[in-house]
Amino acid sequence: MHRLLTKIGNAWRKNWPEIHCGLTGGLPGFILSRSPAPLTDDVPVFCYHVIDEPTFRADLAFLSGNGYTTLSADALLDHLEQHAPAPPKSVVLSFDDGQRTLYDVAFPLLREYGHRAVAFVCPGLHREADTGGEADAGGLCDWEHIQEMHTSGHIDFQPHTDSHRYIPGWPRPLPLAGVNDAVADRRRPDVVSVDEDLRKAKEELDRRLD
């Protein structure tokens, strides 16, 4: 019962910003309107965790059929800092947690439709492919998957902390979507400061992905 209540509490904290927007009228018009106004300087960001093939294929088909461009993290930053404006009708497809459907489902479809995505992963939780099947059992991509996706140019990897802990309540660990809790807990690095955790995450991604 305690574990269930913890999961419910974590889900509430994680999704409260979106719930609050919905209750207070803060959701963008393109989500609620049948005929939304054209995008101007806004770049919508769609966040995924665990996905299925039919739903994500439908999303990409809609974006392709309606002339949308999908941006990398660098392209979005250039747009926000006014270095290079994003093309009209630009969006960002964001994936959290590095769950295995990122490789099995999202990656092949992104290649098929010629789109890009940004994936936020926790380097301290990923392992090499030869870990006795634990990578598959845990539900996380292994480093070979991540390197292949990065090399393709279709997925831009960024750090999502090193150990997936709740920053406002540091160092409380948070579950990863679609990932075996026991495996994630067993892999989670020792507690360090927030600054050190973020530094380690960036350095490991830089080292692994050049």
C-alpha atoms as a PDB file:
ATOM      1  CA  MET A   1       0.000   0.000   0.000  1.00  0.00           C
ATOM      2  CA  HIS A   2       2.836   2.406   0.847  1.00  0.00           C
ATOM      3  CA  ARG A   3       4.486   1.759  -2.526  1.00  0.00           C
ATOM      4  CA  LEU A   4       1.175   2.391  -4.332  1.00  0.00           C
ATOM      5  CA  LEU A   5       0.620   5.658  -2.469  1.00  0.00           C
ATOM      6  CA  THR A   6       4.174   6.712  -3.274  1.00  0.00           C
ATOM      7  CA  LYS A   7       3.596   6.062  -6.985  1.00  0.00           C
ATOM      8  CA  ILE A   8       0.346   8.029  -6.935  1.00  0.00           C
ATOM      9  CA  GLY A   9       2.072  10.932  -5.158  1.00  0.00           C
ATOM     10  CA  ASN A  10       4.954  10.920  -7.637  1.00  0.00           C
ATOM     11  CA  ALA A  11       2.547  10.883 -10.586  1.00  0.00           C
ATOM     12  CA  TRP A  12       0.591  13.787  -9.122  1.00  0.00           C
ATOM     13  CA  ARG A  13       3.717  15.896  -8.565  1.00  0.00           C
ATOM     14  CA  LYS A  14       5.021  15.140 -12.036  1.00  0.00           C
ATOM     15  CA  ASN A  15       1.766  15.948 -13.835  1.00  0.00           C
ATOM     16  CA  TRP A  16       0.479  18.783 -11.650  1.00  0.00           C
ATOM     17  CA  PRO A  17       1.774  21.577 -13.954  1.00  0.00           C
ATOM     18  CA  GLU A  18      -0.278  20.227 -16.881  1.00  0.00           C
ATOM     19  CA  ILE A  19      -3.330  19.661 -14.663  1.00  0.00           C
ATOM     20  CA  HIS A  20      -3.021  23.200 -13.318  1.00  0.00           C
ATOM     21  CA  CYS A  21      -2.837  24.611 -16.852  1.00  0.00           C
ATOM     22  CA  GLY A  22      -5.950  22.697 -17.837  1.00  0.00           C
ATOM     23  CA  LEU A  23      -7.891  23.954 -14.824  1.00  0.00           C
ATOM     24  CA  THR A  24      -6.830  27.582 -15.200  1.00  0.00           C
ATOM     25  CA  GLY A  25      -7.108  27.993 -18.965  1.00  0.00           C
ATOM     26  CA  GLY A  26      -3.386  27.964 -19.544  1.00  0.00           C
ATOM     27  CA  LEU A  27      -3.260  25.220 -22.191  1.00  0.00           C
ATOM     28  CA  PRO A  28      -2.203  26.470 -25.641  1.00  0.00           C
ATOM     29  CA  GLY A  29      -4.979  27.021 -28.145  1.00  0.00           C
ATOM     30  CA  PHE A  30      -3.723  24.425 -30.613  1.00  0.00           C
ATOM     31  CA  ILE A  31      -4.505  21.676 -28.062  1.00  0.00           C
ATOM     32  CA  LEU A  32      -8.122  22.648 -27.466  1.00  0.00           C
ATOM     33  CA  SER A  33      -9.238  24.218 -30.739  1.00  0.00           C
ATOM     34  CA  ARG A  34     -10.500  22.363 -33.810  1.00  0.00           C
ATOM     35  CA  SER A  35      -9.092  25.201 -35.933  1.00  0.00           C
ATOM     36  CA  PRO A  36      -6.161  26.662 -34.003  1.00  0.00           C
ATOM     37  CA  ALA A  37      -4.549  29.881 -35.096  1.00  0.00           C
ATOM     38  CA  PRO A  38      -1.259  29.467 -36.979  1.00  0.00           C
ATOM     39  CA  LEU A  39       1.843  29.292 -34.807  1.00  0.00           C
ATOM     40  CA  THR A  40       3.952  32.434 -34.776  1.00  0.00           C
ATOM     41  CA  ASP A  41       7.008  32.495 -32.497  1.00  0.00           C
ATOM     42  CA  ASP A  42       5.724  29.673 -30.293  1.00  0.00           C
ATOM     43  CA  VAL A  43       7.325  26.224 -30.489  1.00  0.00           C
ATOM     44  CA  PRO A  44       5.138  23.545 -28.873  1.00  0.00           C
ATOM     45  CA  VAL A  45       6.978  20.776 -27.026  1.00  0.00           C
ATOM     46  CA  PHE A  46       5.278  17.376 -26.835  1.00  0.00           C
ATOM     47  CA  CYS A  47       6.580  15.129 -24.056  1.00  0.00           C
ATOM     48  CA  TYR A  48       6.456  11.334 -24.308  1.00  0.00           C
ATOM     49  CA  HIS A  49       7.522   8.532 -21.979  1.00  0.00           C
ATOM     50  CA  VAL A  50       6.328   5.039 -22.991  1.00  0.00           C
ATOM     51  CA  ILE A  51       4.752   4.901 -26.458  1.00  0.00           C
ATOM     52  CA  ASP A  52       2.974   2.445 -28.749  1.00  0.00           C
ATOM     53  CA  GLU A  53       3.439   2.144 -32.497  1.00  0.00           C
ATOM     54  CA  PRO A  54      -0.058   3.092 -33.749  1.00  0.00           C
ATOM     55  CA  THR A  55      -0.313   6.242 -31.638  1.00  0.00           C
ATOM     56  CA  PHE A  56       3.162   7.564 -32.407  1.00  0.00           C
ATOM     57  CA  ARG A  57       2.831   6.721 -36.100  1.00  0.00           C
ATOM     58  CA  ALA A  58      -0.404   8.725 -36.197  1.00  0.00           C
ATOM     59  CA  ASP A  59       1.350  11.671 -34.516  1.00  0.00           C
ATOM     60  CA  LEU A  60       4.213  11.646 -37.027  1.00  0.00           C
ATOM     61  CA  ALA A  61       1.874  11.195 -39.974  1.00  0.00           C
ATOM     62  CA  PHE A  62      -0.099  14.250 -38.825  1.00  0.00           C
ATOM     63  CA  LEU A  63       3.070  16.339 -38.466  1.00  0.00           C
ATOM     64  CA  SER A  64       4.372  15.270 -41.873  1.00  0.00           C
ATOM     65  CA  GLY A  65       1.026  15.720 -43.606  1.00  0.00           C
ATOM     66  CA  ASN A  66       0.617  19.223 -42.224  1.00  0.00           C
ATOM     67  CA  GLY A  67       4.101  20.529 -42.912  1.00  0.00           C
ATOM     68  CA  TYR A  68       5.551  20.633 -39.398  1.00  0.00           C
ATOM     69  CA  THR A  69       9.299  20.678 -38.680  1.00  0.00           C
ATOM     70  CA  THR A  70      10.740  18.863 -35.660  1.00  0.00           C
ATOM     71  CA  LEU A  71      13.658  20.562 -33.916  1.00  0.00           C
ATOM     72  CA  SER A  72      16.727  19.426 -32.002  1.00  0.00           C
ATOM     73  CA  ALA A  73      17.529  20.910 -28.590  1.00  0.00           C
ATOM     74  CA  ASP A  74      20.207  23.140 -30.136  1.00  0.00           C
ATOM     75  CA  ALA A  75      17.782  24.443 -32.769  1.00  0.00           C
ATOM     76  CA  LEU A  76      15.226  25.229 -30.070  1.00  0.00           C
ATOM     77  CA  LEU A  77      17.861  27.025 -27.983  1.00  0.00           C
ATOM     78  CA  ASP A  78      18.971  29.054 -31.010  1.00  0.00           C
ATOM     79  CA  HIS A  79      15.342  30.052 -31.544  1.00  0.00           C
ATOM     80  CA  LEU A  80      14.783  31.011 -27.889  1.00  0.00           C
ATOM     81  CA  GLU A  81      17.990  33.047 -27.791  1.00  0.00           C
ATOM     82  CA  GLN A  82      17.087  34.674 -31.133  1.00  0.00           C
ATOM     83  CA  HIS A  83      20.229  33.443 -32.904  1.00  0.00           C
ATOM     84  CA  ALA A  84      18.363  31.550 -35.634  1.00  0.00           C
ATOM     85  CA  PRO A  85      14.558  31.683 -35.816  1.00  0.00           C
ATOM     86  CA  ALA A  86      12.875  28.301 -36.109  1.00  0.00           C
ATOM     87  CA  PRO A  87      11.001  27.578 -39.336  1.00  0.00           C
ATOM     88  CA  PRO A  88       7.253  28.207 -39.283  1.00  0.00           C
ATOM     89  CA  LYS A  89       5.226  25.358 -37.792  1.00  0.00           C
ATOM     90  CA  SER A  90       8.116  24.002 -35.713  1.00  0.00           C
ATOM     91  CA  VAL A  91       7.603  21.610 -32.795  1.00  0.00           C
ATOM     92  CA  VAL A  92       9.805  19.582 -30.448  1.00  0.00           C
ATOM     93  CA  LEU A  93       9.195  15.886 -29.716  1.00  0.00           C
ATOM     94  CA  SER A  94      10.645  15.172 -26.286  1.00  0.00           C
ATOM     95  CA  PHE A  95      11.179  11.776 -24.647  1.00  0.00           C
ATOM     96  CA  ASP A  96      11.915  11.289 -20.949  1.00  0.00           C
ATOM     97  CA  ASP A  97      13.540   8.406 -19.065  1.00  0.00           C
ATOM     98  CA  GLY A  98      15.223   6.401 -21.882  1.00  0.00           C
ATOM     99  CA  GLN A  99      12.632   3.617 -21.794  1.00  0.00           C
ATOM    100  CA  ARG A 100      13.101   0.790 -24.307  1.00  0.00           C
ATOM    101  CA  THR A 101      10.223   1.893 -26.573  1.00  0.00           C
ATOM    102  CA  LEU A 102      12.394   4.880 -27.487  1.00  0.00           C
ATOM    103  CA  TYR A 103      14.588   2.444 -29.442  1.00  0.00           C
ATOM    104  CA  ASP A 104      12.042  -0.208 -30.411  1.00  0.00           C
ATOM    105  CA  VAL A 105       9.202   2.097 -31.500  1.00  0.00           C
ATOM    106  CA  ALA A 106      10.142   5.779 -31.734  1.00  0.00           C
ATOM    107  CA  PHE A 107      13.507   5.421 -33.455  1.00  0.00           C
ATOM    108  CA  PRO A 108      12.332   3.375 -36.479  1.00  0.00           C
ATOM    109  CA  LEU A 109       9.331   5.648 -36.989  1.00  0.00           C
ATOM    110  CA  LEU A 110      11.415   8.832 -36.740  1.00  0.00           C
ATOM    111  CA  ARG A 111      13.684   7.445 -39.451  1.00  0.00           C
ATOM    112  CA  GLU A 112      10.718   6.436 -41.597  1.00  0.00           C
ATOM    113  CA  TYR A 113       9.106   9.880 -41.439  1.00  0.00           C
ATOM    114  CA  GLY A 114      12.337  11.879 -41.407  1.00  0.00           C
ATOM    115  CA  HIS A 115      11.687  13.599 -38.074  1.00  0.00           C
ATOM    116  CA  ARG A 116      13.852  14.369 -35.054  1.00  0.00           C
ATOM    117  CA  ALA A 117      13.327  14.084 -31.324  1.00  0.00           C
ATOM    118  CA  VAL A 118      15.104  15.076 -28.118  1.00  0.00           C
ATOM    119  CA  ALA A 119      15.602  12.344 -25.493  1.00  0.00           C
ATOM    120  CA  PHE A 120      16.410  13.129 -21.867  1.00  0.00           C
ATOM    121  CA  VAL A 121      18.185  10.180 -20.233  1.00  0.00           C
ATOM    122  CA  CYS A 122      19.901   9.446 -16.917  1.00  0.00           C
ATOM    123  CA  PRO A 123      23.418   8.246 -17.786  1.00  0.00           C
ATOM    124  CA  GLY A 124      23.949   6.717 -14.333  1.00  0.00           C
ATOM    125  CA  LEU A 125      21.176   4.176 -14.960  1.00  0.00           C
ATOM    126  CA  HIS A 126      22.085   2.889 -18.426  1.00  0.00           C
ATOM    127  CA  ARG A 127      24.353  -0.109 -18.977  1.00  0.00           C
ATOM    128  CA  GLU A 128      26.254  -1.871 -21.751  1.00  0.00           C
ATOM    129  CA  ALA A 129      24.426  -4.479 -23.812  1.00  0.00           C
ATOM    130  CA  ASP A 130      26.254  -7.469 -22.284  1.00  0.00           C
ATOM    131  CA  THR A 131      24.729  -7.287 -18.797  1.00  0.00           C
ATOM    132  CA  GLY A 132      23.114 -10.716 -18.734  1.00  0.00           C
ATOM    133  CA  GLY A 133      19.792  -9.497 -20.078  1.00  0.00           C
ATOM    134  CA  GLU A 134      19.252  -7.013 -17.256  1.00  0.00           C
ATOM    135  CA  ALA A 135      19.011  -4.105 -19.702  1.00  0.00           C
ATOM    136  CA  ASP A 136      16.011  -5.682 -21.404  1.00  0.00           C
ATOM    137  CA  ALA A 137      14.461  -6.864 -18.143  1.00  0.00           C
ATOM    138  CA  GLY A 138      14.744  -3.413 -16.666  1.00  0.00           C
ATOM    139  CA  GLY A 139      13.052  -1.717 -19.609  1.00  0.00           C
ATOM    140  CA  LEU A 140      15.876   0.746 -20.318  1.00  0.00           C
ATOM    141  CA  CYS A 141      17.826   1.323 -23.505  1.00  0.00           C
ATOM    142  CA  ASP A 142      21.444   0.212 -23.288  1.00  0.00           C
ATOM    143  CA  TRP A 143      24.371   2.371 -24.379  1.00  0.00           C
ATOM    144  CA  GLU A 144      24.625   0.660 -27.767  1.00  0.00           C
ATOM    145  CA  HIS A 145      21.023   1.666 -28.478  1.00  0.00           C
ATOM    146  CA  ILE A 146      21.702   5.232 -27.393  1.00  0.00           C
ATOM    147  CA  GLN A 147      24.878   5.500 -29.475  1.00  0.00           C
ATOM    148  CA  GLU A 148      23.112   4.123 -32.564  1.00  0.00           C
ATOM    149  CA  MET A 149      20.224   6.577 -32.194  1.00  0.00           C
ATOM    150  CA  HIS A 150      22.589   9.480 -31.614  1.00  0.00           C
ATOM    151  CA  THR A 151      24.733   8.612 -34.641  1.00  0.00           C
ATOM    152  CA  SER A 152      21.656   8.501 -36.875  1.00  0.00           C
ATOM    153  CA  GLY A 153      20.961  12.192 -36.214  1.00  0.00           C
ATOM    154  CA  HIS A 154      17.289  11.497 -35.535  1.00  0.00           C
ATOM    155  CA  ILE A 155      17.516  11.680 -31.735  1.00  0.00           C
ATOM    156  CA  ASP A 156      19.339  14.380 -29.800  1.00  0.00           C
ATOM    157  CA  PHE A 157      20.322  13.174 -26.295  1.00  0.00           C
ATOM    158  CA  GLN A 158      20.375  15.472 -23.293  1.00  0.00           C
ATOM    159  CA  PRO A 159      20.840  14.799 -19.532  1.00  0.00           C
ATOM    160  CA  HIS A 160      17.779  14.185 -17.349  1.00  0.00           C
ATOM    161  CA  THR A 161      19.922  14.248 -14.182  1.00  0.00           C
ATOM    162  CA  ASP A 162      22.330  11.361 -13.623  1.00  0.00           C
ATOM    163  CA  SER A 163      20.240   9.329 -11.176  1.00  0.00           C
ATOM    164  CA  HIS A 164      16.593  10.432 -11.685  1.00  0.00           C
ATOM    165  CA  ARG A 165      15.984  12.140  -8.382  1.00  0.00           C
ATOM    166  CA  TYR A 166      13.336  14.727  -7.546  1.00  0.00           C
ATOM    167  CA  ILE A 167      15.200  18.039  -7.568  1.00  0.00           C
ATOM    168  CA  PRO A 168      12.741  20.043  -5.360  1.00  0.00           C
ATOM    169  CA  GLY A 169      12.897  17.195  -2.814  1.00  0.00           C
ATOM    170  CA  TRP A 170      16.526  16.149  -3.383  1.00  0.00           C
ATOM    171  CA  PRO A 171      17.714  13.409  -3.071  1.00  0.00           C
ATOM    172  CA  ARG A 172      14.425  11.478  -3.174  1.00  0.00           C
ATOM    173  CA  PRO A 173      14.570   9.001  -6.094  1.00  0.00           C
ATOM    174  CA  LEU A 174      11.749   8.896  -8.613  1.00  0.00           C
ATOM    175  CA  PRO A 175      10.569   5.889 -10.642  1.00  0.00           C
ATOM    176  CA  LEU A 176      11.154   5.908 -14.385  1.00  0.00           C
ATOM    177  CA  ALA A 177       8.172   5.400 -16.677  1.00  0.00           C
ATOM    178  CA  GLY A 178       7.937   1.837 -17.945  1.00  0.00           C
ATOM    179  CA  VAL A 179      11.096   0.730 -16.148  1.00  0.00           C
ATOM    180  CA  ASN A 180      11.438  -2.035 -13.556  1.00  0.00           C
ATOM    181  CA  ASP A 181      11.728  -0.259 -10.189  1.00  0.00           C
ATOM    182  CA  ALA A 182      14.026  -2.893  -8.694  1.00  0.00           C
ATOM    183  CA  VAL A 183      16.481  -2.650 -11.579  1.00  0.00           C
ATOM    184  CA  ALA A 184      16.470   1.162 -11.500  1.00  0.00           C
ATOM    185  CA  ASP A 185      17.015   1.196  -7.720  1.00  0.00           C
ATOM    186  CA  ARG A 186      19.873  -1.299  -7.993  1.00  0.00           C
ATOM    187  CA  ARG A 187      21.626   0.784 -10.649  1.00  0.00           C
ATOM    188  CA  ARG A 188      21.050   4.210  -9.121  1.00  0.00           C
ATOM    189  CA  PRO A 189      24.376   5.892  -8.189  1.00  0.00           C
ATOM    190  CA  ASP A 190      25.151   7.041  -4.669  1.00  0.00           C
ATOM    191  CA  VAL A 191      23.685  10.353  -3.579  1.00  0.00           C
ATOM    192  CA  VAL A 192      25.686  13.456  -4.446  1.00  0.00           C
ATOM    193  CA  SER A 193      24.724  17.125  -4.577  1.00  0.00           C
ATOM    194  CA  VAL A 194      22.399  18.372  -7.308  1.00  0.00           C
ATOM    195  CA  ASP A 195      25.257  20.263  -8.948  1.00  0.00           C
ATOM    196  CA  GLU A 196      27.494  17.191  -8.946  1.00  0.00           C
ATOM    197  CA  ASP A 197      24.721  14.967 -10.278  1.00  0.00           C
ATOM    198  CA  LEU A 198      24.010  17.308 -13.195  1.00  0.00           C
ATOM    199  CA  ARG A 199      27.711  17.699 -13.946  1.00  0.00           C
ATOM    200  CA  LYS A 200      28.234  13.920 -13.984  1.00  0.00           C
ATOM    201  CA  ALA A 201      25.266  13.444 -16.299  1.00  0.00           C
ATOM    202  CA  LYS A 202      26.537  15.949 -18.844  1.00  0.00           C
ATOM    203  CA  GLU A 203      30.118  14.695 -18.735  1.00  0.00           C
ATOM    204  CA  GLU A 204      29.057  11.078 -19.265  1.00  0.00           C
ATOM    205  CA  LEU A 205      26.855  11.951 -22.232  1.00  0.00           C
ATOM    206  CA  ASP A 206      29.664  14.049 -23.732  1.00  0.00           C
ATOM    207  CA  ARG A 207      32.100  11.177 -23.292  1.00  0.00           C
ATOM    208  CA  ARG A 208      29.782   8.501 -24.650  1.00  0.00           C
ATOM    209  CA  LEU A 209      28.398  10.459 -27.568  1.00  0.00           C
ATOM    210  CA  ASP A 210      31.412  12.578 -28.528  1.00  0.00           C
END
